[in-house]
C-alpha cells in the first residue's frame, strides 16, 4: 500500500513538474516577445527626429518667460507706482470739503501736483491742513501754491510737487 501511495505521489509530482515547465517556457516566450517589442520601441524613439517648429516654439516661449521675469523684477522696484497712487487718490477723495474741487491730479515719481477751483482763497490752506490726517498725503510736499482768478472771476489754484530742497507748503509739517 505504501508503494502504491508513493507511486501515485511520484506520478502526481511528475505531472506538476511538467506543468510548471510548460508554464515557465510560455513565460520565457512572453518575456522574449516583450523584450523584442521594447527594443523596437527604443529604436523608433531614437530614430525620431526633433520637430523644428516645436523647437522654435519652445525657444520663443523661453524668451517670453525670461522677459516677463525681468519685467516683474523691474515693476517690484516701483512700489509707489503700484501701491501709492491708488491710496493717494482714495485719501484725496476722503477729504470732504464743499469749497474745493479738483480738476487735475498728477503723480510722477512720487511727487504730486494738484489743480482745482475754490470758493475762497483761505479754503485751500484749510484743505491742505487736512492732509496730516492721511498718511499718504501727509508725506507729500508742495513747492508752490498759486491762487488766481480767471476772466469769469472764478478762483483757481495749483499746487506743484516739490524737490527735497524746496520749501514745503502742505503735508506733514502743517
C-alpha atoms as a PDB file:
ATOM      1  CA  UNK A   1       0.000   0.000   0.000  1.00  0.00           C
ATOM      2  CA  UNK A   2       2.816   2.369   0.802  1.00  0.00           C
ATOM      3  CA  UNK A   3       4.310   1.553  -2.582  1.00  0.00           C
ATOM      4  CA  UNK A   4       1.086   2.456  -4.390  1.00  0.00           C
ATOM      5  CA  UNK A   5       0.841   5.730  -2.492  1.00  0.00           C
ATOM      6  CA  UNK A   6       4.483   6.511  -3.258  1.00  0.00           C
ATOM      7  CA  UNK A   7       3.911   5.648  -6.927  1.00  0.00           C
ATOM      8  CA  UNK A   8       0.778   7.841  -7.070  1.00  0.00           C
ATOM      9  CA  UNK A   9       2.609  10.654  -5.330  1.00  0.00           C
ATOM     10  CA  UNK A  10       5.552  10.349  -7.775  1.00  0.00           C
ATOM     11  CA  UNK A  11       3.174  10.394 -10.758  1.00  0.00           C
ATOM     12  CA  UNK A  12       1.380  13.470  -9.374  1.00  0.00           C
ATOM     13  CA  UNK A  13       4.721  15.192  -8.731  1.00  0.00           C
ATOM     14  CA  UNK A  14       5.845  14.454 -12.312  1.00  0.00           C
ATOM     15  CA  UNK A  15       2.603  15.977 -13.642  1.00  0.00           C
ATOM     16  CA  UNK A  16       3.105  19.081 -11.532  1.00  0.00           C
ATOM     17  CA  UNK A  17       6.724  19.459 -12.658  1.00  0.00           C
ATOM     18  CA  UNK A  18       5.747  19.046 -16.321  1.00  0.00           C
ATOM     19  CA  UNK A  19       3.006  21.636 -15.948  1.00  0.00           C
ATOM     20  CA  UNK A  20       5.439  24.057 -14.292  1.00  0.00           C
ATOM     21  CA  UNK A  21       7.996  23.514 -17.082  1.00  0.00           C
ATOM     22  CA  UNK A  22       5.342  24.243 -19.746  1.00  0.00           C
ATOM     23  CA  UNK A  23       4.226  27.401 -17.866  1.00  0.00           C
ATOM     24  CA  UNK A  24       7.855  28.550 -17.453  1.00  0.00           C
ATOM     25  CA  UNK A  25       8.503  28.071 -21.191  1.00  0.00           C
ATOM     26  CA  UNK A  26       5.382  30.084 -22.017  1.00  0.00           C
ATOM     27  CA  UNK A  27       6.525  32.851 -19.661  1.00  0.00           C
ATOM     28  CA  UNK A  28      10.004  32.864 -21.286  1.00  0.00           C
ATOM     29  CA  UNK A  29       8.402  33.241 -24.718  1.00  0.00           C
ATOM     30  CA  UNK A  30       6.257  36.119 -23.431  1.00  0.00           C
ATOM     31  CA  UNK A  31       9.281  37.849 -21.839  1.00  0.00           C
ATOM     32  CA  UNK A  32      11.315  37.423 -25.046  1.00  0.00           C
ATOM     33  CA  UNK A  33       8.447  38.851 -27.092  1.00  0.00           C
ATOM     34  CA  UNK A  34       8.105  41.843 -24.782  1.00  0.00           C
ATOM     35  CA  UNK A  35      11.887  42.448 -24.814  1.00  0.00           C
ATOM     36  CA  UNK A  36      11.794  42.499 -28.635  1.00  0.00           C
ATOM     37  CA  UNK A  37       8.907  44.992 -28.587  1.00  0.00           C
ATOM     38  CA  UNK A  38      10.807  47.161 -26.093  1.00  0.00           C
ATOM     39  CA  UNK A  39      13.913  47.120 -28.294  1.00  0.00           C
ATOM     40  CA  UNK A  40      11.821  48.115 -31.330  1.00  0.00           C
ATOM     41  CA  UNK A  41      10.181  50.998 -29.426  1.00  0.00           C
ATOM     42  CA  UNK A  42      13.549  52.254 -28.178  1.00  0.00           C
ATOM     43  CA  UNK A  43      14.921  52.163 -31.726  1.00  0.00           C
ATOM     44  CA  UNK A  44      11.861  54.050 -33.004  1.00  0.00           C
ATOM     45  CA  UNK A  45      12.289  56.745 -30.313  1.00  0.00           C
ATOM     46  CA  UNK A  46      15.982  57.152 -31.136  1.00  0.00           C
ATOM     47  CA  UNK A  47      15.240  57.454 -34.866  1.00  0.00           C
ATOM     48  CA  UNK A  48      12.524  60.049 -34.338  1.00  0.00           C
ATOM     49  CA  UNK A  49      13.657  63.495 -35.464  1.00  0.00           C
ATOM     50  CA  UNK A  50      13.090  66.646 -33.408  1.00  0.00           C
ATOM     51  CA  UNK A  51      10.330  68.824 -34.894  1.00  0.00           C
ATOM     52  CA  UNK A  52      11.892  72.209 -35.812  1.00  0.00           C
ATOM     53  CA  UNK A  53       8.575  74.025 -35.296  1.00  0.00           C
ATOM     54  CA  UNK A  54       8.312  72.697 -31.754  1.00  0.00           C
ATOM     55  CA  UNK A  55      11.922  73.686 -31.078  1.00  0.00           C
ATOM     56  CA  UNK A  56      11.202  77.218 -32.319  1.00  0.00           C
ATOM     57  CA  UNK A  57       8.032  77.468 -30.197  1.00  0.00           C
ATOM     58  CA  UNK A  58       9.977  76.293 -27.159  1.00  0.00           C
ATOM     59  CA  UNK A  59      12.691  78.863 -27.778  1.00  0.00           C
ATOM     60  CA  UNK A  60      10.141  81.688 -28.151  1.00  0.00           C
ATOM     61  CA  UNK A  61       8.301  80.609 -25.005  1.00  0.00           C
ATOM     62  CA  UNK A  62      11.564  80.575 -23.031  1.00  0.00           C
ATOM     63  CA  UNK A  63      12.448  84.081 -24.274  1.00  0.00           C
ATOM     64  CA  UNK A  64       8.978  85.361 -23.389  1.00  0.00           C
ATOM     65  CA  UNK A  65       9.244  83.881 -19.901  1.00  0.00           C
ATOM     66  CA  UNK A  66      12.656  85.478 -19.412  1.00  0.00           C
ATOM     67  CA  UNK A  67      11.316  88.893 -20.468  1.00  0.00           C
ATOM     68  CA  UNK A  68       8.278  88.575 -18.189  1.00  0.00           C
ATOM     69  CA  UNK A  69      10.512  87.724 -15.231  1.00  0.00           C
ATOM     70  CA  UNK A  70      12.719  90.727 -15.980  1.00  0.00           C
ATOM     71  CA  UNK A  71       9.661  92.984 -16.220  1.00  0.00           C
ATOM     72  CA  UNK A  72       8.316  91.612 -12.939  1.00  0.00           C
ATOM     73  CA  UNK A  73      11.642  92.374 -11.226  1.00  0.00           C
ATOM     74  CA  UNK A  74      11.616  95.943 -12.516  1.00  0.00           C
ATOM     75  CA  UNK A  75       7.999  96.523 -11.521  1.00  0.00           C
ATOM     76  CA  UNK A  76       8.620  95.263  -7.993  1.00  0.00           C
ATOM     77  CA  UNK A  77      11.052  98.145  -7.502  1.00  0.00           C
ATOM     78  CA  UNK A  78       8.350 100.707  -8.268  1.00  0.00           C
ATOM     79  CA  UNK A  79       6.230 100.261  -5.175  1.00  0.00           C
ATOM     80  CA  UNK A  80       4.898 103.823  -5.192  1.00  0.00           C
ATOM     81  CA  UNK A  81       3.634 103.468  -8.745  1.00  0.00           C
ATOM     82  CA  UNK A  82       1.942 100.206  -7.898  1.00  0.00           C
ATOM     83  CA  UNK A  83       0.516 100.955  -4.463  1.00  0.00           C
ATOM     84  CA  UNK A  84       0.778 104.633  -3.541  1.00  0.00           C
ATOM     85  CA  UNK A  85      -1.102 106.037  -6.483  1.00  0.00           C
ATOM     86  CA  UNK A  86      -4.447 104.449  -5.686  1.00  0.00           C
ATOM     87  CA  UNK A  87      -4.118 105.030  -1.953  1.00  0.00           C
ATOM     88  CA  UNK A  88      -3.285 108.716  -2.561  1.00  0.00           C
ATOM     89  CA  UNK A  89      -6.365 109.101  -4.746  1.00  0.00           C
ATOM     90  CA  UNK A  90      -8.507 107.380  -2.125  1.00  0.00           C
ATOM     91  CA  UNK A  91      -7.151 109.732   0.533  1.00  0.00           C
ATOM     92  CA  UNK A  92      -7.902 112.778  -1.628  1.00  0.00           C
ATOM     93  CA  UNK A  93     -11.432 111.507  -2.184  1.00  0.00           C
ATOM     94  CA  UNK A  94     -11.894 111.026   1.570  1.00  0.00           C
ATOM     95  CA  UNK A  95     -11.394 114.706   2.335  1.00  0.00           C
ATOM     96  CA  UNK A  96     -14.844 116.231   2.179  1.00  0.00           C
ATOM     97  CA  UNK A  97     -14.711 119.940   1.564  1.00  0.00           C
ATOM     98  CA  UNK A  98     -17.514 121.719  -0.281  1.00  0.00           C
ATOM     99  CA  UNK A  99     -15.263 124.724  -1.006  1.00  0.00           C
ATOM    100  CA  UNK A 100     -12.632 122.762  -3.009  1.00  0.00           C
ATOM    101  CA  UNK A 101     -12.892 120.668  -6.140  1.00  0.00           C
ATOM    102  CA  UNK A 102     -10.004 119.209  -8.071  1.00  0.00           C
ATOM    103  CA  UNK A 103      -9.698 119.493 -11.829  1.00  0.00           C
ATOM    104  CA  UNK A 104      -6.267 117.919 -12.253  1.00  0.00           C
ATOM    105  CA  UNK A 105      -4.181 115.400 -10.327  1.00  0.00           C
ATOM    106  CA  UNK A 106      -0.676 114.423 -11.378  1.00  0.00           C
ATOM    107  CA  UNK A 107       1.640 111.974  -9.616  1.00  0.00           C
ATOM    108  CA  UNK A 108       5.063 111.407 -11.110  1.00  0.00           C
ATOM    109  CA  UNK A 109       7.978 109.759  -9.322  1.00  0.00           C
ATOM    110  CA  UNK A 110       6.186 110.151  -6.016  1.00  0.00           C
ATOM    111  CA  UNK A 111       5.596 113.897  -6.445  1.00  0.00           C
ATOM    112  CA  UNK A 112       2.021 115.078  -6.504  1.00  0.00           C
ATOM    113  CA  UNK A 113       0.740 118.156  -8.309  1.00  0.00           C
ATOM    114  CA  UNK A 114      -2.862 119.291  -7.907  1.00  0.00           C
ATOM    115  CA  UNK A 115      -5.023 121.885  -9.604  1.00  0.00           C
ATOM    116  CA  UNK A 116      -8.597 122.873  -8.977  1.00  0.00           C
ATOM    117  CA  UNK A 117     -11.063 125.548  -8.020  1.00  0.00           C
ATOM    118  CA  UNK A 118     -12.139 127.027  -4.728  1.00  0.00           C
ATOM    119  CA  UNK A 119     -14.905 129.231  -3.416  1.00  0.00           C
ATOM    120  CA  UNK A 120     -12.461 131.303  -1.321  1.00  0.00           C
ATOM    121  CA  UNK A 121      -8.723 131.908  -1.082  1.00  0.00           C
ATOM    122  CA  UNK A 122      -8.476 130.711   2.536  1.00  0.00           C
ATOM    123  CA  UNK A 123     -10.198 127.386   1.718  1.00  0.00           C
ATOM    124  CA  UNK A 124      -7.069 125.943   0.078  1.00  0.00           C
ATOM    125  CA  UNK A 125      -4.761 126.249   3.151  1.00  0.00           C
ATOM    126  CA  UNK A 126      -7.539 124.821   5.366  1.00  0.00           C
ATOM    127  CA  UNK A 127      -7.922 121.938   2.926  1.00  0.00           C
ATOM    128  CA  UNK A 128      -4.135 121.310   2.935  1.00  0.00           C
ATOM    129  CA  UNK A 129      -4.117 121.118   6.754  1.00  0.00           C
ATOM    130  CA  UNK A 130      -6.437 118.101   6.499  1.00  0.00           C
ATOM    131  CA  UNK A 131      -3.661 116.175   4.687  1.00  0.00           C
ATOM    132  CA  UNK A 132      -1.985 115.462   8.040  1.00  0.00           C
ATOM    133  CA  UNK A 133      -4.801 113.007   8.857  1.00  0.00           C
ATOM    134  CA  UNK A 134      -3.935 110.818   5.848  1.00  0.00           C
ATOM    135  CA  UNK A 135      -0.517 109.069   5.805  1.00  0.00           C
ATOM    136  CA  UNK A 136      -0.253 109.019   2.003  1.00  0.00           C
ATOM    137  CA  UNK A 137      -0.988 112.730   1.773  1.00  0.00           C
ATOM    138  CA  UNK A 138       0.961 113.857   4.848  1.00  0.00           C
ATOM    139  CA  UNK A 139       4.163 112.738   3.137  1.00  0.00           C
ATOM    140  CA  UNK A 140       3.523 114.938   0.097  1.00  0.00           C
ATOM    141  CA  UNK A 141       5.475 118.147  -0.224  1.00  0.00           C
ATOM    142  CA  UNK A 142       4.454 121.094  -2.382  1.00  0.00           C
ATOM    143  CA  UNK A 143       6.869 123.741  -3.634  1.00  0.00           C
ATOM    144  CA  UNK A 144       4.346 126.337  -4.602  1.00  0.00           C
ATOM    145  CA  UNK A 145       0.749 127.376  -4.285  1.00  0.00           C
ATOM    146  CA  UNK A 146      -0.691 129.595  -6.956  1.00  0.00           C
ATOM    147  CA  UNK A 147      -4.153 131.136  -6.478  1.00  0.00           C
ATOM    148  CA  UNK A 148      -5.676 133.284  -9.235  1.00  0.00           C
ATOM    149  CA  UNK A 149      -8.996 134.364 -10.703  1.00  0.00           C
ATOM    150  CA  UNK A 150      -9.934 133.800 -14.320  1.00  0.00           C
ATOM    151  CA  UNK A 151     -11.941 136.110 -16.607  1.00  0.00           C
ATOM    152  CA  UNK A 152     -15.223 134.908 -15.067  1.00  0.00           C
ATOM    153  CA  UNK A 153     -13.839 135.702 -11.585  1.00  0.00           C
ATOM    154  CA  UNK A 154     -13.700 132.009 -10.621  1.00  0.00           C
ATOM    155  CA  UNK A 155     -10.943 131.217  -8.123  1.00  0.00           C
ATOM    156  CA  UNK A 156      -8.366 128.655  -9.323  1.00  0.00           C
ATOM    157  CA  UNK A 157      -5.406 127.134  -7.513  1.00  0.00           C
ATOM    158  CA  UNK A 158      -2.458 124.917  -8.381  1.00  0.00           C
ATOM    159  CA  UNK A 159      -0.047 123.094  -6.123  1.00  0.00           C
ATOM    160  CA  UNK A 160       3.217 121.910  -7.629  1.00  0.00           C
ATOM    161  CA  UNK A 161       5.224 118.957  -6.342  1.00  0.00           C
ATOM    162  CA  UNK A 162       8.493 119.830  -4.646  1.00  0.00           C
ATOM    163  CA  UNK A 163      12.042 118.635  -4.712  1.00  0.00           C
ATOM    164  CA  UNK A 164      13.691 117.782  -1.408  1.00  0.00           C
ATOM    165  CA  UNK A 165      15.427 121.156  -1.102  1.00  0.00           C
ATOM    166  CA  UNK A 166      12.318 123.250  -1.782  1.00  0.00           C
ATOM    167  CA  UNK A 167      10.088 124.703   0.927  1.00  0.00           C
ATOM    168  CA  UNK A 168       7.128 122.541   1.879  1.00  0.00           C
ATOM    169  CA  UNK A 169       3.637 124.088   1.825  1.00  0.00           C
ATOM    170  CA  UNK A 170       1.475 121.135   2.793  1.00  0.00           C
ATOM    171  CA  UNK A 171       1.695 117.670   4.175  1.00  0.00           C
ATOM    172  CA  UNK A 172       3.414 116.526   7.316  1.00  0.00           C
ATOM    173  CA  UNK A 173       4.808 119.876   8.524  1.00  0.00           C
ATOM    174  CA  UNK A 174       1.448 121.581   8.815  1.00  0.00           C
END
